[in-house]
Protein backbone atom coordinates (compact mmCIF):
# COMPACT_ATOMS: atom_id res chain seq x y z
CA MET A 1 0.00 0.00 0.00
CA LYS A 2 2.77 2.47 0.91
CA THR A 3 4.64 1.64 -2.29
CA TRP A 4 1.53 2.34 -4.37
CA VAL A 5 1.07 5.73 -2.70
CA LEU A 6 4.72 6.62 -3.32
CA TYR A 7 4.42 5.66 -6.99
CA MET A 8 1.27 7.78 -7.34
CA LEU A 9 2.98 10.77 -5.70
CA LEU A 10 5.99 10.38 -8.00
CA LEU A 11 3.73 10.09 -11.04
CA MET A 12 1.70 13.17 -10.08
CA SER A 13 4.78 15.27 -9.39
CA THR A 14 6.30 14.23 -12.76
CA ILE A 15 3.10 15.14 -14.59
CA SER A 16 2.97 18.48 -12.78
CA ALA A 17 6.57 19.24 -13.72
CA VAL A 18 5.91 18.44 -17.39
CA PHE A 19 2.88 20.74 -17.46
CA ALA A 20 4.82 23.50 -15.72
CA LEU A 21 7.61 23.31 -18.29
CA ASN A 22 5.22 23.36 -21.24
CA THR A 23 3.12 26.26 -19.99
CA LYS A 24 3.86 29.80 -21.12
CA ASN A 25 4.67 32.36 -18.49
CA SER A 26 1.50 34.06 -17.32
CA TYR A 27 2.75 37.54 -18.22
CA GLU A 28 2.96 36.55 -21.91
CA ASP A 29 -0.79 36.01 -22.13
CA LYS A 30 -1.88 39.22 -20.44
CA THR A 31 -3.27 42.17 -22.34
CA SER A 32 -1.87 45.59 -21.61
CA VAL A 33 -4.16 48.59 -21.41
CA LEU A 34 -2.96 52.19 -21.58
CA VAL A 35 -5.41 54.94 -20.66
CA VAL A 36 -4.48 58.39 -21.93
CA GLY A 37 -6.32 61.37 -20.49
CA THR A 38 -7.19 64.06 -22.99
CA ILE A 39 -8.50 67.61 -22.85
CA GLN A 40 -10.48 67.22 -26.07
CA GLY A 41 -10.54 70.39 -28.22
CA GLN A 42 -8.26 72.27 -25.86
CA HIS A 43 -5.21 70.43 -27.22
CA ALA A 44 -5.15 73.02 -30.05
CA ALA A 45 -4.66 75.89 -27.57
CA ASN A 46 -2.44 74.18 -24.97
CA PRO A 47 1.26 74.05 -25.92
CA LYS A 48 2.06 71.83 -22.90
CA TYR A 49 -0.33 69.08 -24.04
CA SER A 50 -0.95 69.54 -27.76
CA TYR A 51 -2.21 67.17 -30.42
CA GLN A 52 1.45 66.50 -31.22
CA HIS A 53 1.86 65.08 -27.70
CA LEU A 54 -1.02 62.66 -28.34
CA ILE A 55 0.53 61.58 -31.65
CA GLN A 56 3.85 61.01 -29.87
CA ILE A 57 2.14 58.82 -27.25
CA LEU A 58 0.43 56.75 -29.96
CA THR A 59 3.62 56.28 -31.97
CA THR A 60 5.61 55.40 -28.83
CA TYR A 61 3.24 52.67 -27.66
CA ALA A 62 1.99 51.61 -31.13
CA PRO A 63 -1.31 50.13 -29.92
CA ALA A 64 -3.05 47.41 -31.86
CA LEU A 65 -6.36 49.10 -31.03
CA PHE A 66 -7.48 52.37 -29.57
CA ALA A 67 -10.85 53.88 -28.73
CA LEU A 68 -12.02 57.47 -28.80
CA LYS A 69 -14.76 59.21 -26.87
CA SER A 70 -16.68 61.66 -28.99
CA VAL A 71 -18.32 64.69 -27.43
CA LEU A 72 -20.79 66.68 -29.48
CA CYS A 73 -21.05 70.38 -28.68
CA SER A 74 -24.17 72.32 -29.52
């Protein structure tokens, strides 16, 4: 009985080690999200945070996807 338990423990630990070696690191599967605060139309009048700054952020991080919030003014 003890021998059977030892064999099972050895088998389970070997299987666990094989799965651990074949699994990607968890950080490789995570999605990164970058949130950039904007001041909407005021970028045209603000030299410290202009539209050029937003373009620089987008070219630096080169996102695969980005979303915009549209605000309609009446």
